[in-house]
Amino acid sequence: MALSEFELIERYFRHCGAPRRDVRVGVGDDAAVLDCAPGRHLVAAVDTLVEGVHFPAGSPPASIGHRALAVNLSDLAAMGAEPAWALLALTLPRAEESWLAEFARGLGELAHAHGVALVGGNTTRGPLSVTVQLLGFTESSPALLRSGAGAGDLLYVSGTTGDAAAGLLLEQSSLQLTDEGCARELRQRFLFPTPRVALGRRLSPYASACIDISDGLLGDAGKLAQASGCAITLEYSRLPVSAELLAAVGAERAGELALTGGDDYELCFAVPAARTAALLAALPPAHWQYRQVGVVCAGQGASVLRDGSVMDFSHRGFDHFTAPR
């Protein structure tokens, strides 16, 4: 017998995520009732993942659940916020219990890891798409924004970039590798990205601006530059390229993917020169996995310098309404 909508919610989502004492009313009522602590600012983000646009048809359901929350966690990380509550809108072509169990597991494990409670949402029938809204807090200090960078700031990036783009190529069978370990690592970077929540929450005393890298390092650095009314220069030799990406596609293609590949969900942040010593002392780069990749300067846009010359890139970042179909 097919699951009803209410049986589906009760079985897979009523207890999905972390328990929180600030949830007065959660899944199962018309709306959630949540306690907001005084002296904090509420931060909200929402993202939709659509089959065939954000993930290939037939993707592992645990990955879809994980990524649906991870993309929002990454947005809150870029704001320096602590995640708290999530709402889920799930559209399914059919209610398959094995699919739902794996989807809920992927979503729930990541929610538990970051102390996020699932407090409500909606389910309906239709083409597969997942929308998650995530709510969280910043302390009394303002949230990190894209708009605070200034000329002379140094630009940093967490982790490595381009890996998820290569992982997607593997998932789409557009890239073949004989090294199974390398292929597995790159696939994991796409299927199960790691949002940098802990780093983001610690950046507020040091960073002047921050953005998460969802549409490619070059494109997202350009968005930060535009919001801040300045320019950004990236140094090609400093790009954070992993050994797995180099082994998979070679140096030239790895550099291109590191600049333009999406879905990495790393953080790109600017730090005034006067605060860099304090940043490096408080958050050692070797432990927190970030590196300087460029500088903020007067002007407009983002550019890449290689051996002293400006490189030409036609792709500046993914856009749903201008990307070729």
Protein backbone atom coordinates (compact mmCIF):
# COMPACT_ATOMS: atom_id res chain seq x y z
CA MET A 1 0.00 0.00 0.00
CA ALA A 2 1.34 3.44 -0.94
CA LEU A 3 2.29 5.84 1.83
CA SER A 4 -0.02 8.79 2.41
CA GLU A 5 1.48 12.27 2.71
CA PHE A 6 0.98 12.24 6.47
CA GLU A 7 2.45 8.75 6.91
CA LEU A 8 5.45 9.85 4.84
CA ILE A 9 6.06 12.88 7.07
CA GLU A 10 5.53 10.92 10.29
CA ARG A 11 7.81 8.05 9.30
CA TYR A 12 10.72 9.92 7.72
CA PHE A 13 10.74 13.55 8.82
CA ARG A 14 9.12 14.08 12.23
CA HIS A 15 12.37 13.18 13.98
CA CYS A 16 14.81 14.10 11.23
CA GLY A 17 17.57 16.44 12.43
CA ALA A 18 18.83 17.44 15.84
CA PRO A 19 16.60 18.00 18.89
CA ARG A 20 16.66 21.63 20.07
CA ARG A 21 15.22 23.15 23.23
CA ASP A 22 14.26 26.33 21.35
CA VAL A 23 11.67 24.46 19.23
CA ARG A 24 8.27 24.97 20.89
CA VAL A 25 6.30 23.38 18.03
CA GLY A 26 7.99 21.49 15.19
CA VAL A 27 6.96 19.05 12.45
CA GLY A 28 3.27 18.13 12.42
CA ASP A 29 1.42 21.40 12.97
CA ASP A 30 0.41 24.18 10.58
CA ALA A 31 3.58 26.13 11.36
CA ALA A 32 6.61 25.92 13.65
CA VAL A 33 6.91 27.93 16.86
CA LEU A 34 10.49 28.83 17.72
CA ASP A 35 12.20 30.71 20.56
CA CYS A 36 14.47 33.54 19.43
CA ALA A 37 17.08 34.47 22.04
CA PRO A 38 17.43 38.19 22.82
CA GLY A 39 20.48 39.98 21.47
CA ARG A 40 20.76 37.81 18.37
CA HIS A 41 20.02 38.53 14.72
CA LEU A 42 18.00 36.01 12.69
CA VAL A 43 19.66 34.90 9.44
CA ALA A 44 17.64 33.08 6.75
CA ALA A 45 18.61 31.29 3.52
CA VAL A 46 16.70 29.15 1.02
CA ASP A 47 17.80 27.02 -1.95
CA THR A 48 16.08 24.68 -4.37
CA LEU A 49 17.70 21.63 -5.97
CA VAL A 50 16.05 20.33 -9.14
CA GLU A 51 16.76 16.97 -10.76
CA GLY A 52 18.61 17.44 -14.03
CA VAL A 53 19.72 20.96 -13.09
CA HIS A 54 21.52 20.63 -9.75
CA PHE A 55 22.09 16.88 -9.74
CA PRO A 56 21.91 14.15 -12.42
CA ALA A 57 18.88 11.90 -12.64
CA GLY A 58 19.45 8.80 -10.54
CA SER A 59 21.76 10.51 -8.02
CA PRO A 60 22.03 8.75 -4.65
CA PRO A 61 19.13 9.92 -2.50
CA ALA A 62 21.42 10.34 0.55
CA SER A 63 23.51 12.76 -1.51
CA ILE A 64 20.43 14.74 -2.55
CA GLY A 65 19.34 15.09 1.08
CA HIS A 66 22.85 16.03 2.19
CA ARG A 67 23.36 18.60 -0.56
CA ALA A 68 19.95 20.20 -0.06
CA LEU A 69 20.98 21.17 3.46
CA ALA A 70 24.68 21.70 2.72
CA VAL A 71 24.08 24.49 0.20
CA ASN A 72 22.14 26.41 2.84
CA LEU A 73 24.66 25.69 5.57
CA SER A 74 27.31 27.14 3.27
CA ASP A 75 25.26 30.33 2.86
CA LEU A 76 25.00 30.73 6.63
CA ALA A 77 28.70 29.96 6.99
CA ALA A 78 29.46 32.88 4.66
CA MET A 79 27.44 35.14 6.98
CA GLY A 80 29.28 33.93 10.07
CA ALA A 81 26.01 32.50 11.40
CA GLU A 82 25.11 29.57 13.64
CA PRO A 83 22.51 27.31 11.96
CA ALA A 84 19.47 26.31 14.01
CA TRP A 85 16.25 25.35 12.18
CA ALA A 86 15.35 24.00 8.74
CA LEU A 87 12.14 23.69 6.72
CA LEU A 88 11.82 21.19 3.86
CA ALA A 89 9.61 21.34 0.78
CA LEU A 90 9.92 18.02 -1.07
CA THR A 91 8.33 17.30 -4.45
CA LEU A 92 8.41 13.62 -5.46
CA PRO A 93 7.17 11.73 -8.51
CA ARG A 94 6.29 8.81 -6.19
CA ALA A 95 6.71 7.88 -2.51
CA GLU A 96 9.32 5.10 -2.62
CA GLU A 97 10.20 4.06 0.93
CA SER A 98 13.76 2.98 0.16
CA TRP A 99 14.44 6.34 -1.56
CA LEU A 100 12.86 8.29 1.30
CA ALA A 101 14.83 6.41 3.95
CA GLU A 102 18.15 7.21 2.25
CA PHE A 103 17.18 10.82 1.53
CA ALA A 104 16.16 11.36 5.16
CA ARG A 105 19.38 9.72 6.35
CA GLY A 106 21.55 12.04 4.24
CA LEU A 107 19.62 15.10 5.37
CA GLY A 108 19.36 14.01 9.00
CA GLU A 109 23.03 13.10 9.50
CA LEU A 110 24.21 16.49 8.28
CA ALA A 111 21.51 18.25 10.33
CA HIS A 112 22.62 16.40 13.47
CA ALA A 113 26.26 17.26 12.80
CA HIS A 114 25.42 20.97 12.81
CA GLY A 115 22.74 21.01 15.51
CA VAL A 116 19.92 21.76 13.05
CA ALA A 117 16.32 20.78 13.82
CA LEU A 118 13.87 20.08 11.00
CA VAL A 119 10.79 22.00 12.16
CA GLY A 120 8.35 21.80 9.25
CA GLY A 121 7.77 21.89 5.53
CA ASN A 122 5.62 20.39 2.82
CA THR A 123 5.45 17.36 0.54
CA THR A 124 3.75 17.14 -2.83
CA ARG A 125 3.72 15.03 -5.98
CA GLY A 126 5.55 16.14 -9.12
CA PRO A 127 9.02 16.22 -10.75
CA LEU A 128 11.77 15.69 -8.19
CA SER A 129 12.87 18.91 -6.51
CA VAL A 130 13.98 19.77 -2.99
CA THR A 131 13.76 23.16 -1.29
CA VAL A 132 15.31 23.77 2.11
CA GLN A 133 15.00 26.96 4.10
CA LEU A 134 17.57 27.33 6.87
CA LEU A 135 17.36 29.75 9.78
CA GLY A 136 20.17 30.63 12.15
CA PHE A 137 21.70 33.34 14.30
CA THR A 138 24.54 35.76 14.54
CA GLU A 139 25.56 37.15 17.89
CA SER A 140 25.20 40.84 18.72
CA SER A 141 27.93 41.69 16.18
CA PRO A 142 26.68 42.19 12.58
CA ALA A 143 26.67 39.33 10.12
CA LEU A 144 29.46 39.04 7.58
CA LEU A 145 28.43 40.50 4.22
CA ARG A 146 29.79 40.55 0.67
CA SER A 147 29.99 44.32 0.72
CA GLY A 148 32.69 45.14 3.28
CA ALA A 149 35.96 44.53 1.40
CA GLY A 150 38.30 47.42 0.66
CA ALA A 151 41.45 48.12 -1.34
CA GLY A 152 44.47 46.56 0.35
CA ASP A 153 42.59 43.61 1.84
CA LEU A 154 44.01 40.15 1.26
CA LEU A 155 41.74 37.50 -0.27
CA TYR A 156 41.59 33.97 1.12
CA VAL A 157 39.84 30.75 0.09
CA SER A 158 39.13 27.69 2.21
CA GLY A 159 39.80 24.15 1.04
CA THR A 160 40.28 23.38 -2.64
CA THR A 161 38.17 24.37 -5.63
CA GLY A 162 37.29 22.58 -8.85
CA ASP A 163 36.96 19.14 -7.23
CA ALA A 164 33.15 19.13 -7.23
CA ALA A 165 33.05 20.11 -10.91
CA ALA A 166 35.27 17.13 -11.72
CA GLY A 167 33.09 14.94 -9.51
CA LEU A 168 30.03 16.01 -11.48
CA LEU A 169 31.81 15.18 -14.75
CA LEU A 170 32.46 11.70 -13.35
CA GLU A 171 28.81 11.33 -12.32
CA GLN A 172 27.78 12.34 -15.85
CA SER A 173 30.30 9.91 -17.39
CA SER A 174 31.98 12.88 -19.10
CA LEU A 175 35.27 12.04 -17.40
CA GLN A 176 36.82 8.60 -16.97
CA LEU A 177 39.60 7.75 -14.50
CA THR A 178 41.52 4.54 -13.91
CA ASP A 179 42.54 5.64 -10.40
CA GLU A 180 39.54 4.52 -8.34
CA GLY A 181 40.70 6.30 -5.19
CA CYS A 182 41.05 9.59 -7.02
CA ALA A 183 37.66 9.17 -8.69
CA ARG A 184 36.01 8.32 -5.38
CA GLU A 185 37.42 11.44 -3.68
CA LEU A 186 36.28 13.76 -6.48
CA ARG A 187 32.82 12.19 -6.56
CA GLN A 188 32.52 12.66 -2.81
CA ARG A 189 33.31 16.36 -3.17
CA PHE A 190 30.28 16.72 -5.43
CA LEU A 191 27.91 14.26 -3.76
CA PHE A 192 28.67 15.17 -0.13
CA PRO A 193 30.19 18.69 0.08
CA THR A 194 31.46 19.95 3.44
CA PRO A 195 30.05 23.36 4.37
CA ARG A 196 32.62 25.45 6.30
CA VAL A 197 30.31 26.43 9.16
CA ALA A 198 32.92 26.28 11.93
CA LEU A 199 35.35 28.49 10.00
CA GLY A 200 32.63 30.95 9.01
CA ARG A 201 31.53 31.42 12.62
CA ARG A 202 35.09 32.36 13.62
CA LEU A 203 35.80 34.84 10.82
CA SER A 204 33.75 37.82 12.05
CA PRO A 205 36.53 39.46 14.11
CA TYR A 206 38.93 39.37 11.15
CA ALA A 207 37.15 39.30 7.77
CA SER A 208 35.72 42.39 6.11
CA ALA A 209 33.63 40.42 3.59
CA CYS A 210 32.79 36.82 2.74
CA ILE A 211 30.95 34.78 0.11
CA ASP A 212 30.49 31.06 -0.36
CA ILE A 213 31.75 29.50 -3.59
CA SER A 214 28.77 27.87 -5.27
CA ASP A 215 29.09 29.17 -8.84
CA GLY A 216 32.87 29.12 -9.26
CA LEU A 217 35.73 30.96 -7.54
CA LEU A 218 36.19 33.56 -10.28
CA GLY A 219 32.48 34.30 -10.61
CA ASP A 220 31.84 34.48 -6.88
CA ALA A 221 34.94 36.61 -6.25
CA GLY A 222 33.51 38.93 -8.88
CA LYS A 223 30.22 39.13 -6.95
CA LEU A 224 32.12 40.04 -3.78
CA ALA A 225 34.07 42.68 -5.69
CA GLN A 226 30.89 44.16 -7.17
CA ALA A 227 29.11 44.27 -3.81
CA SER A 228 32.16 45.94 -2.22
CA GLY A 229 32.66 48.45 -5.05
CA CYS A 230 36.23 47.34 -5.72
CA ALA A 231 38.30 44.92 -7.81
CA ILE A 232 39.86 41.57 -7.00
CA THR A 233 43.02 40.09 -8.51
CA LEU A 234 43.54 36.34 -8.16
CA GLU A 235 47.03 34.85 -8.53
CA TYR A 236 46.93 31.78 -10.76
CA SER A 237 49.94 30.25 -8.99
CA ARG A 238 48.09 30.40 -5.66
CA LEU A 239 44.93 28.58 -6.77
CA PRO A 240 43.88 25.92 -4.23
CA VAL A 241 44.08 22.84 -6.46
CA SER A 242 43.97 19.35 -4.95
CA ALA A 243 46.34 16.52 -5.85
CA GLU A 244 43.32 14.47 -6.96
CA LEU A 245 42.18 17.13 -9.41
CA LEU A 246 45.69 17.50 -10.84
CA ALA A 247 45.98 13.75 -11.30
CA ALA A 248 42.54 13.54 -12.88
CA VAL A 249 42.67 16.29 -15.50
CA GLY A 250 46.21 17.75 -15.62
CA ALA A 251 47.46 21.18 -14.59
CA GLU A 252 45.78 23.35 -17.25
CA ARG A 253 42.31 21.84 -16.94
CA ALA A 254 42.66 21.76 -13.14
CA GLY A 255 43.35 25.50 -13.12
CA GLU A 256 40.31 26.17 -15.28
CA LEU A 257 38.03 24.06 -13.07
CA ALA A 258 39.46 25.63 -9.91
CA LEU A 259 38.48 29.06 -11.24
CA THR A 260 35.15 28.32 -12.90
CA GLY A 261 33.79 25.02 -11.53
CA GLY A 262 30.79 25.24 -9.20
CA ASP A 263 29.41 23.33 -6.20
CA ASP A 264 32.54 23.49 -4.02
CA TYR A 265 30.83 25.35 -1.14
CA GLU A 266 34.11 26.72 0.16
CA LEU A 267 34.46 30.24 1.60
CA CYS A 268 36.11 33.19 -0.13
CA PHE A 269 36.84 36.01 2.31
CA ALA A 270 38.70 39.32 2.47
CA VAL A 271 40.81 40.39 5.45
CA PRO A 272 42.32 43.87 6.01
CA ALA A 273 46.11 43.77 6.14
CA ALA A 274 46.07 45.09 9.71
CA ARG A 275 44.08 42.03 10.87
CA THR A 276 45.97 39.30 9.02
CA ALA A 277 48.48 38.58 11.80
CA ALA A 278 45.65 38.13 14.29
CA LEU A 279 43.76 35.90 11.83
CA LEU A 280 46.75 33.64 11.21
CA ALA A 281 47.47 33.37 14.94
CA ALA A 282 43.87 32.63 15.96
CA LEU A 283 43.01 30.39 13.00
CA PRO A 284 46.17 28.64 11.79
CA PRO A 285 45.78 28.00 8.04
CA ALA A 286 47.17 24.46 8.25
CA HIS A 287 44.42 23.51 10.69
CA TRP A 288 41.54 25.49 9.19
CA GLN A 289 42.56 24.75 5.59
CA TYR A 290 42.59 28.12 3.86
CA ARG A 291 45.14 30.07 1.85
CA GLN A 292 45.67 33.52 0.39
CA VAL A 293 44.79 33.57 -3.32
CA GLY A 294 44.72 37.27 -4.20
CA VAL A 295 44.22 40.88 -3.21
CA VAL A 296 41.49 43.50 -3.22
CA CYS A 297 42.30 46.70 -5.07
CA ALA A 298 40.68 49.79 -6.56
CA GLY A 299 38.66 49.22 -9.73
CA GLN A 300 35.96 46.80 -10.82
CA GLY A 301 35.52 43.08 -11.38
CA ALA A 302 37.70 40.03 -10.77
CA SER A 303 40.76 39.12 -12.85
CA VAL A 304 43.44 36.43 -12.82
CA LEU A 305 47.16 37.11 -13.08
CA ARG A 306 49.48 34.44 -14.43
CA ASP A 307 53.19 35.23 -14.63
CA GLY A 308 52.35 38.92 -14.55
CA SER A 309 49.80 38.81 -17.39
CA VAL A 310 46.02 38.99 -17.11
CA MET A 311 44.33 35.76 -18.23
CA ASP A 312 41.20 35.81 -20.38
CA PHE A 313 38.23 33.80 -19.12
CA SER A 314 34.88 33.81 -20.88
CA HIS A 315 33.13 31.93 -18.06
CA ARG A 316 32.61 34.09 -14.96
CA GLY A 317 30.23 31.92 -12.98
CA PHE A 318 27.08 29.86 -13.37
CA ASP A 319 23.78 31.65 -13.98
CA HIS A 320 20.53 29.67 -14.34
CA PHE A 321 19.07 32.07 -16.88
CA THR A 322 22.11 32.74 -19.08
CA ALA A 323 23.83 29.34 -19.02
CA PRO A 324 23.51 27.34 -22.27
CA ARG A 325 20.91 24.58 -22.19
